[in-house]
Amino acid sequence: MTAITLESIGYTITITGLLLISIGVYGFAATRNLIRMLLSLEIVFNGVFLVILEVITSAPVYATILGVILVSVVSAEVAVVVAIIAAYYRKTGVLDSESAENVEGGV
């Protein structure tokens, strides 16, 4: 039986982050629904977040600061995108990204 080391945990976190990025990219490419596309982007951001924090864990203070900044940026991004999607839905009545290309005059 092998012991669990910090190095093996680091590899696991990195692989998990890369798997999340792959799932998110596939989900973004495979759907046309704007809400699903937003959720897929959030999965990608969380995967990137995991990988970045794993890379910078040698300096815990910087990792904490970067974590707070990343969470703040992602939260602001979600708020803006949800507001844009809500305005688009009110104007068109659909959440299909194909129809978004045909909207005249903005959202």
PDB file of N, CA and C in Angstrom:
ATOM      1  N   MET A   1       0.847  -1.170   0.000  1.00  0.00           N
ATOM      2  CA  MET A   1       0.000   0.000   0.000  1.00  0.00           C
ATOM      3  C   MET A   1       0.895   1.237   0.000  1.00  0.00           C
ATOM      4  N   THR A   2       0.584   2.171  -0.854  1.00  0.00           N
ATOM      5  CA  THR A   2       1.404   3.380  -0.950  1.00  0.00           C
ATOM      6  C   THR A   2       0.794   4.493  -0.105  1.00  0.00           C
ATOM      7  N   ALA A   3       1.674   5.340   0.359  1.00  0.00           N
ATOM      8  CA  ALA A   3       1.231   6.456   1.177  1.00  0.00           C
ATOM      9  C   ALA A   3       0.765   7.604   0.281  1.00  0.00           C
ATOM     10  N   ILE A   4      -0.209   8.318   0.769  1.00  0.00           N
ATOM     11  CA  ILE A   4      -0.688   9.493   0.048  1.00  0.00           C
ATOM     12  C   ILE A   4       0.239  10.652   0.393  1.00  0.00           C
ATOM     13  N   THR A   5       0.823  11.229  -0.639  1.00  0.00           N
ATOM     14  CA  THR A   5       1.742  12.347  -0.434  1.00  0.00           C
ATOM     15  C   THR A   5       1.136  13.615  -1.003  1.00  0.00           C
ATOM     16  N   LEU A   6       1.728  14.740  -0.645  1.00  0.00           N
ATOM     17  CA  LEU A   6       1.266  16.012  -1.191  1.00  0.00           C
ATOM     18  C   LEU A   6       1.468  16.060  -2.699  1.00  0.00           C
ATOM     19  N   GLU A   7       2.508  15.415  -3.173  1.00  0.00           N
ATOM     20  CA  GLU A   7       2.764  15.400  -4.605  1.00  0.00           C
ATOM     21  C   GLU A   7       1.671  14.646  -5.357  1.00  0.00           C
ATOM     22  N   SER A   8       1.239  13.504  -4.812  1.00  0.00           N
ATOM     23  CA  SER A   8       0.182  12.746  -5.482  1.00  0.00           C
ATOM     24  C   SER A   8      -1.150  13.492  -5.435  1.00  0.00           C
ATOM     25  N   ILE A   9      -1.396  14.219  -4.351  1.00  0.00           N
ATOM     26  CA  ILE A   9      -2.609  15.034  -4.274  1.00  0.00           C
ATOM     27  C   ILE A   9      -2.549  16.155  -5.300  1.00  0.00           C
ATOM     28  N   GLY A  10      -1.358  16.737  -5.478  1.00  0.00           N
ATOM     29  CA  GLY A  10      -1.195  17.795  -6.474  1.00  0.00           C
ATOM     30  C   GLY A  10      -1.480  17.299  -7.875  1.00  0.00           C
ATOM     31  N   TYR A  11      -0.990  16.094  -8.203  1.00  0.00           N
ATOM     32  CA  TYR A  11      -1.273  15.528  -9.518  1.00  0.00           C
ATOM     33  C   TYR A  11      -2.768  15.277  -9.694  1.00  0.00           C
ATOM     34  N   THR A  12      -3.400  14.800  -8.647  1.00  0.00           N
ATOM     35  CA  THR A  12      -4.835  14.527  -8.713  1.00  0.00           C
ATOM     36  C   THR A  12      -5.626  15.805  -8.938  1.00  0.00           C
ATOM     37  N   ILE A  13      -5.266  16.862  -8.258  1.00  0.00           N
ATOM     38  CA  ILE A  13      -5.962  18.139  -8.424  1.00  0.00           C
ATOM     39  C   ILE A  13      -5.740  18.688  -9.824  1.00  0.00           C
ATOM     40  N   THR A  14      -4.525  18.580 -10.334  1.00  0.00           N
ATOM     41  CA  THR A  14      -4.237  19.063 -11.683  1.00  0.00           C
ATOM     42  C   THR A  14      -5.010  18.266 -12.727  1.00  0.00           C
ATOM     43  N   ILE A  15      -5.038  16.961 -12.585  1.00  0.00           N
ATOM     44  CA  ILE A  15      -5.790  16.133 -13.534  1.00  0.00           C
ATOM     45  C   ILE A  15      -7.279  16.435 -13.446  1.00  0.00           C
ATOM     46  N   THR A  16      -7.784  16.643 -12.245  1.00  0.00           N
ATOM     47  CA  THR A  16      -9.189  17.002 -12.077  1.00  0.00           C
ATOM     48  C   THR A  16      -9.493  18.339 -12.751  1.00  0.00           C
ATOM     49  N   GLY A  17      -8.607  19.311 -12.579  1.00  0.00           N
ATOM     50  CA  GLY A  17      -8.788  20.601 -13.238  1.00  0.00           C
ATOM     51  C   GLY A  17      -8.791  20.474 -14.748  1.00  0.00           C
ATOM     52  N   LEU A  18      -7.868  19.694 -15.300  1.00  0.00           N
ATOM     53  CA  LEU A  18      -7.821  19.495 -16.746  1.00  0.00           C
ATOM     54  C   LEU A  18      -9.054  18.749 -17.250  1.00  0.00           C
ATOM     55  N   LEU A  19      -9.547  17.811 -16.456  1.00  0.00           N
ATOM     56  CA  LEU A  19     -10.776  17.100 -16.818  1.00  0.00           C
ATOM     57  C   LEU A  19     -11.972  18.060 -16.823  1.00  0.00           C
ATOM     58  N   LEU A  20     -12.045  18.938 -15.838  1.00  0.00           N
ATOM     59  CA  LEU A  20     -13.122  19.935 -15.807  1.00  0.00           C
ATOM     60  C   LEU A  20     -13.054  20.859 -17.019  1.00  0.00           C
ATOM     61  N   ILE A  21     -11.847  21.271 -17.387  1.00  0.00           N
ATOM     62  CA  ILE A  21     -11.685  22.134 -18.560  1.00  0.00           C
ATOM     63  C   ILE A  21     -12.173  21.408 -19.806  1.00  0.00           C
ATOM     64  N   SER A  22     -11.822  20.139 -19.946  1.00  0.00           N
ATOM     65  CA  SER A  22     -12.245  19.358 -21.118  1.00  0.00           C
ATOM     66  C   SER A  22     -13.765  19.197 -21.167  1.00  0.00           C
ATOM     67  N   ILE A  23     -14.367  18.894 -20.041  1.00  0.00           N
ATOM     68  CA  ILE A  23     -15.822  18.743 -19.980  1.00  0.00           C
ATOM     69  C   ILE A  23     -16.511  20.058 -20.324  1.00  0.00           C
ATOM     70  N   GLY A  24     -15.996  21.152 -19.797  1.00  0.00           N
ATOM     71  CA  GLY A  24     -16.591  22.457 -20.071  1.00  0.00           C
ATOM     72  C   GLY A  24     -16.477  22.865 -21.530  1.00  0.00           C
ATOM     73  N   VAL A  25     -15.330  22.608 -22.140  1.00  0.00           N
ATOM     74  CA  VAL A  25     -15.157  22.942 -23.558  1.00  0.00           C
ATOM     75  C   VAL A  25     -16.100  22.101 -24.408  1.00  0.00           C
ATOM     76  N   TYR A  26     -16.209  20.820 -24.103  1.00  0.00           N
ATOM     77  CA  TYR A  26     -17.148  19.964 -24.838  1.00  0.00           C
ATOM     78  C   TYR A  26     -18.585  20.460 -24.665  1.00  0.00           C
ATOM     79  N   GLY A  27     -18.968  20.779 -23.440  1.00  0.00           N
ATOM     80  CA  GLY A  27     -20.323  21.260 -23.191  1.00  0.00           C
ATOM     81  C   GLY A  27     -20.608  22.565 -23.904  1.00  0.00           C
ATOM     82  N   PHE A  28     -19.619  23.444 -23.972  1.00  0.00           N
ATOM     83  CA  PHE A  28     -19.801  24.724 -24.657  1.00  0.00           C
ATOM     84  C   PHE A  28     -19.960  24.509 -26.163  1.00  0.00           C
ATOM     85  N   ALA A  29     -19.190  23.586 -26.723  1.00  0.00           N
ATOM     86  CA  ALA A  29     -19.236  23.351 -28.163  1.00  0.00           C
ATOM     87  C   ALA A  29     -20.448  22.533 -28.586  1.00  0.00           C
ATOM     88  N   ALA A  30     -21.000  21.747 -27.682  1.00  0.00           N
ATOM     89  CA  ALA A  30     -22.055  20.815 -28.052  1.00  0.00           C
ATOM     90  C   ALA A  30     -23.462  21.381 -27.932  1.00  0.00           C
ATOM     91  N   THR A  31     -23.638  22.540 -27.358  1.00  0.00           N
ATOM     92  CA  THR A  31     -24.990  23.052 -27.135  1.00  0.00           C
ATOM     93  C   THR A  31     -25.164  24.429 -27.760  1.00  0.00           C
ATOM     94  N   ARG A  32     -26.424  24.794 -27.985  1.00  0.00           N
ATOM     95  CA  ARG A  32     -26.738  26.128 -28.494  1.00  0.00           C
ATOM     96  C   ARG A  32     -27.513  26.938 -27.455  1.00  0.00           C
ATOM     97  N   ASN A  33     -27.922  26.319 -26.369  1.00  0.00           N
ATOM     98  CA  ASN A  33     -28.670  27.006 -25.329  1.00  0.00           C
ATOM     99  C   ASN A  33     -27.723  27.902 -24.541  1.00  0.00           C
ATOM    100  N   LEU A  34     -28.090  29.172 -24.397  1.00  0.00           N
ATOM    101  CA  LEU A  34     -27.203  30.139 -23.757  1.00  0.00           C
ATOM    102  C   LEU A  34     -26.946  29.820 -22.289  1.00  0.00           C
ATOM    103  N   ILE A  35     -27.936  29.308 -21.585  1.00  0.00           N
ATOM    104  CA  ILE A  35     -27.745  28.956 -20.172  1.00  0.00           C
ATOM    105  C   ILE A  35     -26.770  27.792 -20.043  1.00  0.00           C
ATOM    106  N   ARG A  36     -26.919  26.793 -20.893  1.00  0.00           N
ATOM    107  CA  ARG A  36     -25.981  25.664 -20.856  1.00  0.00           C
ATOM    108  C   ARG A  36     -24.577  26.103 -21.234  1.00  0.00           C
ATOM    109  N   MET A  37     -24.485  27.043 -22.179  1.00  0.00           N
ATOM    110  CA  MET A  37     -23.166  27.564 -22.548  1.00  0.00           C
ATOM    111  C   MET A  37     -22.530  28.294 -21.366  1.00  0.00           C
ATOM    112  N   LEU A  38     -23.333  29.051 -20.627  1.00  0.00           N
ATOM    113  CA  LEU A  38     -22.835  29.745 -19.439  1.00  0.00           C
ATOM    114  C   LEU A  38     -22.359  28.745 -18.390  1.00  0.00           C
ATOM    115  N   LEU A  39     -23.127  27.701 -18.154  1.00  0.00           N
ATOM    116  CA  LEU A  39     -22.719  26.680 -17.183  1.00  0.00           C
ATOM    117  C   LEU A  39     -21.435  25.983 -17.621  1.00  0.00           C
ATOM    118  N   SER A  40     -21.297  25.730 -18.915  1.00  0.00           N
ATOM    119  CA  SER A  40     -20.074  25.107 -19.417  1.00  0.00           C
ATOM    120  C   SER A  40     -18.872  26.021 -19.227  1.00  0.00           C
ATOM    121  N   LEU A  41     -19.055  27.316 -19.458  1.00  0.00           N
ATOM    122  CA  LEU A  41     -17.966  28.260 -19.212  1.00  0.00           C
ATOM    123  C   LEU A  41     -17.589  28.301 -17.743  1.00  0.00           C
ATOM    124  N   GLU A  42     -18.565  28.183 -16.875  1.00  0.00           N
ATOM    125  CA  GLU A  42     -18.268  28.165 -15.441  1.00  0.00           C
ATOM    126  C   GLU A  42     -17.465  26.917 -15.071  1.00  0.00           C
ATOM    127  N   ILE A  43     -17.771  25.802 -15.705  1.00  0.00           N
ATOM    128  CA  ILE A  43     -16.992  24.589 -15.459  1.00  0.00           C
ATOM    129  C   ILE A  43     -15.556  24.782 -15.917  1.00  0.00           C
ATOM    130  N   VAL A  44     -15.374  25.437 -17.079  1.00  0.00           N
ATOM    131  CA  VAL A  44     -14.020  25.729 -17.571  1.00  0.00           C
ATOM    132  C   VAL A  44     -13.287  26.639 -16.582  1.00  0.00           C
ATOM    133  N   PHE A  45     -13.955  27.688 -16.122  1.00  0.00           N
ATOM    134  CA  PHE A  45     -13.322  28.615 -15.178  1.00  0.00           C
ATOM    135  C   PHE A  45     -12.926  27.910 -13.885  1.00  0.00           C
ATOM    136  N   ASN A  46     -13.781  27.010 -13.406  1.00  0.00           N
ATOM    137  CA  ASN A  46     -13.442  26.274 -12.186  1.00  0.00           C
ATOM    138  C   ASN A  46     -12.255  25.349 -12.400  1.00  0.00           C
ATOM    139  N   GLY A  47     -12.168  24.737 -13.564  1.00  0.00           N
ATOM    140  CA  GLY A  47     -11.011  23.908 -13.876  1.00  0.00           C
ATOM    141  C   GLY A  47      -9.726  24.723 -13.935  1.00  0.00           C
ATOM    142  N   VAL A  48      -9.793  25.872 -14.584  1.00  0.00           N
ATOM    143  CA  VAL A  48      -8.622  26.765 -14.640  1.00  0.00           C
ATOM    144  C   VAL A  48      -8.254  27.235 -13.240  1.00  0.00           C
ATOM    145  N   PHE A  49      -9.268  27.539 -12.453  1.00  0.00           N
ATOM    146  CA  PHE A  49      -9.070  27.962 -11.070  1.00  0.00           C
ATOM    147  C   PHE A  49      -8.318  26.896 -10.280  1.00  0.00           C
ATOM    148  N   LEU A  50      -8.710  25.641 -10.422  1.00  0.00           N
ATOM    149  CA  LEU A  50      -8.026  24.548  -9.729  1.00  0.00           C
ATOM    150  C   LEU A  50      -6.573  24.421 -10.176  1.00  0.00           C
ATOM    151  N   VAL A  51      -6.348  24.480 -11.472  1.00  0.00           N
ATOM    152  CA  VAL A  51      -4.984  24.320 -11.988  1.00  0.00           C
ATOM    153  C   VAL A  51      -4.097  25.473 -11.534  1.00  0.00           C
ATOM    154  N   ILE A  52      -4.602  26.693 -11.618  1.00  0.00           N
ATOM    155  CA  ILE A  52      -3.793  27.853 -11.200  1.00  0.00           C
ATOM    156  C   ILE A  52      -3.464  27.769  -9.724  1.00  0.00           C
ATOM    157  N   LEU A  53      -4.449  27.454  -8.901  1.00  0.00           N
ATOM    158  CA  LEU A  53      -4.184  27.370  -7.462  1.00  0.00           C
ATOM    159  C   LEU A  53      -3.228  26.230  -7.128  1.00  0.00           C
ATOM    160  N   GLU A  54      -3.278  25.146  -7.872  1.00  0.00           N
ATOM    161  CA  GLU A  54      -2.343  24.045  -7.625  1.00  0.00           C
ATOM    162  C   GLU A  54      -0.926  24.450  -7.995  1.00  0.00           C
ATOM    163  N   VAL A  55      -0.790  25.213  -9.064  1.00  0.00           N
ATOM    164  CA  VAL A  55       0.544  25.640  -9.488  1.00  0.00           C
ATOM    165  C   VAL A  55       1.160  26.603  -8.475  1.00  0.00           C
ATOM    166  N   ILE A  56       0.340  27.454  -7.867  1.00  0.00           N
ATOM    167  CA  ILE A  56       0.873  28.513  -7.012  1.00  0.00           C
ATOM    168  C   ILE A  56       0.868  28.137  -5.525  1.00  0.00           C
ATOM    169  N   THR A  57       0.560  26.896  -5.181  1.00  0.00           N
ATOM    170  CA  THR A  57       0.468  26.526  -3.764  1.00  0.00           C
ATOM    171  C   THR A  57       1.800  26.546  -3.031  1.00  0.00           C
ATOM    172  N   SER A  58       2.892  26.741  -3.742  1.00  0.00           N
ATOM    173  CA  SER A  58       4.174  26.842  -3.040  1.00  0.00           C
ATOM    174  C   SER A  58       4.248  28.128  -2.214  1.00  0.00           C
ATOM    175  N   ALA A  59       3.409  29.106  -2.531  1.00  0.00           N
ATOM    176  CA  ALA A  59       3.333  30.355  -1.766  1.00  0.00           C
ATOM    177  C   ALA A  59       1.895  30.521  -1.290  1.00  0.00           C
ATOM    178  N   PRO A  60       1.556  30.031  -0.102  1.00  0.00           N
ATOM    179  CA  PRO A  60       0.157  30.020   0.341  1.00  0.00           C
ATOM    180  C   PRO A  60      -0.506  31.399   0.417  1.00  0.00           C
ATOM    181  N   VAL A  61       0.284  32.426   0.771  1.00  0.00           N
ATOM    182  CA  VAL A  61      -0.305  33.767   0.860  1.00  0.00           C
ATOM    183  C   VAL A  61      -0.759  34.221  -0.522  1.00  0.00           C
ATOM    184  N   TYR A  62       0.079  34.015  -1.530  1.00  0.00           N
ATOM    185  CA  TYR A  62      -0.278  34.406  -2.886  1.00  0.00           C
ATOM    186  C   TYR A  62      -1.430  33.568  -3.423  1.00  0.00           C
ATOM    187  N   ALA A  63      -1.471  32.310  -3.050  1.00  0.00           N
ATOM    188  CA  ALA A  63      -2.564  31.455  -3.484  1.00  0.00           C
ATOM    189  C   ALA A  63      -3.891  31.939  -2.907  1.00  0.00           C
ATOM    190  N   THR A  64      -3.888  32.365  -1.662  1.00  0.00           N
ATOM    191  CA  THR A  64      -5.101  32.887  -1.036  1.00  0.00           C
ATOM    192  C   THR A  64      -5.556  34.175  -1.711  1.00  0.00           C
ATOM    193  N   ILE A  65      -4.626  35.069  -1.947  1.00  0.00           N
ATOM    194  CA  ILE A  65      -4.960  36.335  -2.605  1.00  0.00           C
ATOM    195  C   ILE A  65      -5.495  36.077  -4.010  1.00  0.00           C
ATOM    196  N   LEU A  66      -4.812  35.213  -4.760  1.00  0.00           N
ATOM    197  CA  LEU A  66      -5.261  34.892  -6.110  1.00  0.00           C
ATOM    198  C   LEU A  66      -6.623  34.219  -6.081  1.00  0.00           C
ATOM    199  N   GLY A  67      -6.857  33.360  -5.116  1.00  0.00           N
ATOM    200  CA  GLY A  67      -8.157  32.696  -4.998  1.00  0.00           C
ATOM    201  C   GLY A  67      -9.285  33.689  -4.776  1.00  0.00           C
ATOM    202  N   VAL A  68      -9.079  34.655  -3.911  1.00  0.00           N
ATOM    203  CA  VAL A  68     -10.102  35.671  -3.646  1.00  0.00           C
ATOM    204  C   VAL A  68     -10.359  36.510  -4.896  1.00  0.00           C
ATOM    205  N   ILE A  69      -9.292  36.876  -5.593  1.00  0.00           N
ATOM    206  CA  ILE A  69      -9.447  37.667  -6.813  1.00  0.00           C
ATOM    207  C   ILE A  69     -10.192  36.871  -7.877  1.00  0.00           C
ATOM    208  N   LEU A  70      -9.829  35.605  -8.068  1.00  0.00           N
ATOM    209  CA  LEU A  70     -10.488  34.788  -9.086  1.00  0.00           C
ATOM    210  C   LEU A  70     -11.965  34.574  -8.769  1.00  0.00           C
ATOM    211  N   VAL A  71     -12.290  34.326  -7.527  1.00  0.00           N
ATOM    212  CA  VAL A  71     -13.696  34.151  -7.153  1.00  0.00           C
ATOM    213  C   VAL A  71     -14.478  35.439  -7.397  1.00  0.00           C
ATOM    214  N   SER A  72     -13.878  36.581  -7.099  1.00  0.00           N
ATOM    215  CA  SER A  72     -14.540  37.868  -7.330  1.00  0.00           C
ATOM    216  C   SER A  72     -14.776  38.118  -8.814  1.00  0.00           C
ATOM    217  N   VAL A  73     -13.773  37.838  -9.630  1.00  0.00           N
ATOM    218  CA  VAL A  73     -13.906  38.062 -11.072  1.00  0.00           C
ATOM    219  C   VAL A  73     -14.954  37.130 -11.673  1.00  0.00           C
ATOM    220  N   VAL A  74     -14.941  35.876 -11.288  1.00  0.00           N
ATOM    221  CA  VAL A  74     -15.913  34.922 -11.823  1.00  0.00           C
ATOM    222  C   VAL A  74     -17.323  35.294 -11.373  1.00  0.00           C
ATOM    223  N   SER A  75     -17.491  35.757 -10.145  1.00  0.00           N
ATOM    224  CA  SER A  75     -18.813  36.172  -9.667  1.00  0.00           C
ATOM    225  C   SER A  75     -19.325  37.375 -10.448  1.00  0.00           C
ATOM    226  N   ALA A  76     -18.461  38.336 -10.697  1.00  0.00           N
ATOM    227  CA  ALA A  76     -18.855  39.509 -11.477  1.00  0.00           C
ATOM    228  C   ALA A  76     -19.201  39.102 -12.911  1.00  0.00           C
ATOM    229  N   GLU A  77     -18.428  38.198 -13.467  1.00  0.00           N
ATOM    230  CA  GLU A  77     -18.687  37.725 -14.834  1.00  0.00           C
ATOM    231  C   GLU A  77     -20.043  37.036 -14.919  1.00  0.00           C
ATOM    232  N   VAL A  78     -20.361  36.218 -13.952  1.00  0.00           N
ATOM    233  CA  VAL A  78     -21.655  35.531 -13.951  1.00  0.00           C
ATOM    234  C   VAL A  78     -22.796  36.542 -13.861  1.00  0.00           C
ATOM    235  N   ALA A  79     -22.666  37.533 -13.016  1.00  0.00           N
ATOM    236  CA  ALA A  79     -23.721  38.536 -12.870  1.00  0.00           C
ATOM    237  C   ALA A  79     -23.962  39.286 -14.179  1.00  0.00           C
ATOM    238  N   VAL A  80     -22.899  39.668 -14.858  1.00  0.00           N
ATOM    239  CA  VAL A  80     -23.033  40.404 -16.111  1.00  0.00           C
ATOM    240  C   VAL A  80     -23.642  39.513 -17.189  1.00  0.00           C
ATOM    241  N   VAL A  81     -23.164  38.287 -17.313  1.00  0.00           N
ATOM    242  CA  VAL A  81     -23.664  37.398 -18.366  1.00  0.00           C
ATOM    243  C   VAL A  81     -25.123  37.023 -18.117  1.00  0.00           C
ATOM    244  N   VAL A  82     -25.496  36.778 -16.889  1.00  0.00           N
ATOM    245  CA  VAL A  82     -26.894  36.449 -16.591  1.00  0.00           C
ATOM    246  C   VAL A  82     -27.796  37.646 -16.912  1.00  0.00           C
ATOM    247  N   ALA A  83     -27.349  38.858 -16.623  1.00  0.00           N
ATOM    248  CA  ALA A  83     -28.137  40.048 -16.957  1.00  0.00           C
ATOM    249  C   ALA A  83     -28.299  40.188 -18.473  1.00  0.00           C
ATOM    250  N   ILE A  84     -27.240  39.927 -19.218  1.00  0.00           N
ATOM    251  CA  ILE A  84     -27.314  40.003 -20.682  1.00  0.00           C
ATOM    252  C   ILE A  84     -28.255  38.929 -21.226  1.00  0.00           C
ATOM    253  N   ILE A  85     -28.160  37.714 -20.699  1.00  0.00           N
ATOM    254  CA  ILE A  85     -29.036  36.626 -21.159  1.00  0.00           C
ATOM    255  C   ILE A  85     -30.492  36.940 -20.815  1.00  0.00           C
ATOM    256  N   ALA A  86     -30.746  37.501 -19.638  1.00  0.00           N
ATOM    257  CA  ALA A  86     -32.120  37.850 -19.256  1.00  0.00           C
ATOM    258  C   ALA A  86     -32.682  38.930 -20.178  1.00  0.00           C
ATOM    259  N   ALA A  87     -31.879  39.928 -20.500  1.00  0.00           N
ATOM    260  CA  ALA A  87     -32.332  40.986 -21.416  1.00  0.00           C
ATOM    261  C   ALA A  87     -32.586  40.423 -22.810  1.00  0.00           C
ATOM    262  N   TYR A  88     -31.715  39.536 -23.243  1.00  0.00           N
ATOM    263  CA  TYR A  88     -31.892  38.914 -24.555  1.00  0.00           C
ATOM    264  C   TYR A  88     -33.165  38.069 -24.588  1.00  0.00           C
ATOM    265  N   TYR A  89     -33.421  37.321 -23.525  1.00  0.00           N
ATOM    266  CA  TYR A  89     -34.613  36.488 -23.464  1.00  0.00           C
ATOM    267  C   TYR A  89     -35.879  37.344 -23.452  1.00  0.00           C
ATOM    268  N   ARG A  90     -35.845  38.457 -22.727  1.00  0.00           N
ATOM    269  CA  ARG A  90     -37.003  39.354 -22.710  1.00  0.00           C
ATOM    270  C   ARG A  90     -37.287  39.915 -24.097  1.00  0.00           C
ATOM    271  N   LYS A  91     -36.234  40.186 -24.851  1.00  0.00           N
ATOM    272  CA  LYS A  91     -36.406  40.785 -26.170  1.00  0.00           C
ATOM    273  C   LYS A  91     -36.851  39.759 -27.211  1.00  0.00           C
ATOM    274  N   THR A  92     -36.281  38.559 -27.175  1.00  0.00           N
ATOM    275  CA  THR A  92     -36.549  37.585 -28.233  1.00  0.00           C
ATOM    276  C   THR A  92     -37.469  36.454 -27.806  1.00  0.00           C
ATOM    277  N   GLY A  93     -37.464  36.083 -26.553  1.00  0.00           N
ATOM    278  CA  GLY A  93     -38.286  34.977 -26.077  1.00  0.00           C
ATOM    279  C   GLY A  93     -37.657  33.607 -26.275  1.00  0.00           C
ATOM    280  N   VAL A  94     -36.396  33.568 -26.747  1.00  0.00           N
ATOM    281  CA  VAL A  94     -35.695  32.296 -26.933  1.00  0.00           C
ATOM    282  C   VAL A  94     -34.304  32.397 -26.315  1.00  0.00           C
ATOM    283  N   LEU A  95     -33.718  31.237 -26.023  1.00  0.00           N
ATOM    284  CA  LEU A  95     -32.370  31.186 -25.476  1.00  0.00           C
ATOM    285  C   LEU A  95     -31.416  30.449 -26.413  1.00  0.00           C
ATOM    286  N   ASP A  96     -31.692  30.485 -27.712  1.00  0.00           N
ATOM    287  CA  ASP A  96     -30.877  29.795 -28.690  1.00  0.00           C
ATOM    288  C   ASP A  96     -29.777  30.727 -29.201  1.00  0.00           C
ATOM    289  N   SER A  97     -28.541  30.256 -29.189  1.00  0.00           N
ATOM    290  CA  SER A  97     -27.434  31.111 -29.615  1.00  0.00           C
ATOM    291  C   SER A  97     -27.444  31.356 -31.122  1.00  0.00           C
ATOM    292  N   GLU A  98     -28.056  30.464 -31.893  1.00  0.00           N
ATOM    293  CA  GLU A  98     -28.148  30.667 -33.344  1.00  0.00           C
ATOM    294  C   GLU A  98     -28.992  31.894 -33.664  1.00  0.00           C
ATOM    295  N   SER A  99     -30.058  32.115 -32.919  1.00  0.00           N
ATOM    296  CA  SER A  99     -30.915  33.271 -33.182  1.00  0.00           C
ATOM    297  C   SER A  99     -30.286  34.570 -32.687  1.00  0.00           C
ATOM    298  N   ALA A 100     -29.269  34.469 -31.849  1.00  0.00           N
ATOM    299  CA  ALA A 100     -28.607  35.683 -31.344  1.00  0.00           C
ATOM    300  C   ALA A 100     -27.852  36.401 -32.451  1.00  0.00           C
ATOM    301  N   GLU A 101     -27.455  35.686 -33.483  1.00  0.00           N
ATOM    302  CA  GLU A 101     -26.728  36.309 -34.585  1.00  0.00           C
ATOM    303  C   GLU A 101     -27.637  37.207 -35.415  1.00  0.00           C
ATOM    304  N   ASN A 102     -28.936  37.029 -35.345  1.00  0.00           N
ATOM    305  CA  ASN A 102     -29.871  37.771 -36.178  1.00  0.00           C
ATOM    306  C   ASN A 102     -30.539  38.936 -35.469  1.00  0.00           C
ATOM    307  N   VAL A 103     -30.145  39.256 -34.233  1.00  0.00           N
ATOM    308  CA  VAL A 103     -30.785  40.319 -33.461  1.00  0.00           C
ATOM    309  C   VAL A 103     -30.282  41.669 -33.953  1.00  0.00           C
ATOM    310  N   GLU A 104     -31.214  42.538 -34.305  1.00  0.00           N
ATOM    311  CA  GLU A 104     -30.863  43.888 -34.767  1.00  0.00           C
ATOM    312  C   GLU A 104     -30.981  44.860 -33.610  1.00  0.00           C
ATOM    313  N   GLY A 105     -30.109  45.820 -33.519  1.00  0.00           N
ATOM    314  CA  GLY A 105     -30.192  46.870 -32.514  1.00  0.00           C
ATOM    315  C   GLY A 105     -29.691  46.516 -31.156  1.00  0.00           C
ATOM    316  N   GLY A 106     -29.038  45.392 -30.991  1.00  0.00           N
ATOM    317  CA  GLY A 106     -28.494  45.020 -29.699  1.00  0.00           C
ATOM    318  C   GLY A 106     -29.541  44.433 -28.798  1.00  0.00           C
ATOM    319  N   VAL A 107     -29.127  44.126 -27.597  1.00  0.00           N
ATOM    320  CA  VAL A 107     -30.011  43.465 -26.642  1.00  0.00           C
ATOM    321  C   VAL A 107     -30.827  44.462 -25.909  1.00  0.00           C
TER     322      VAL A 107
END
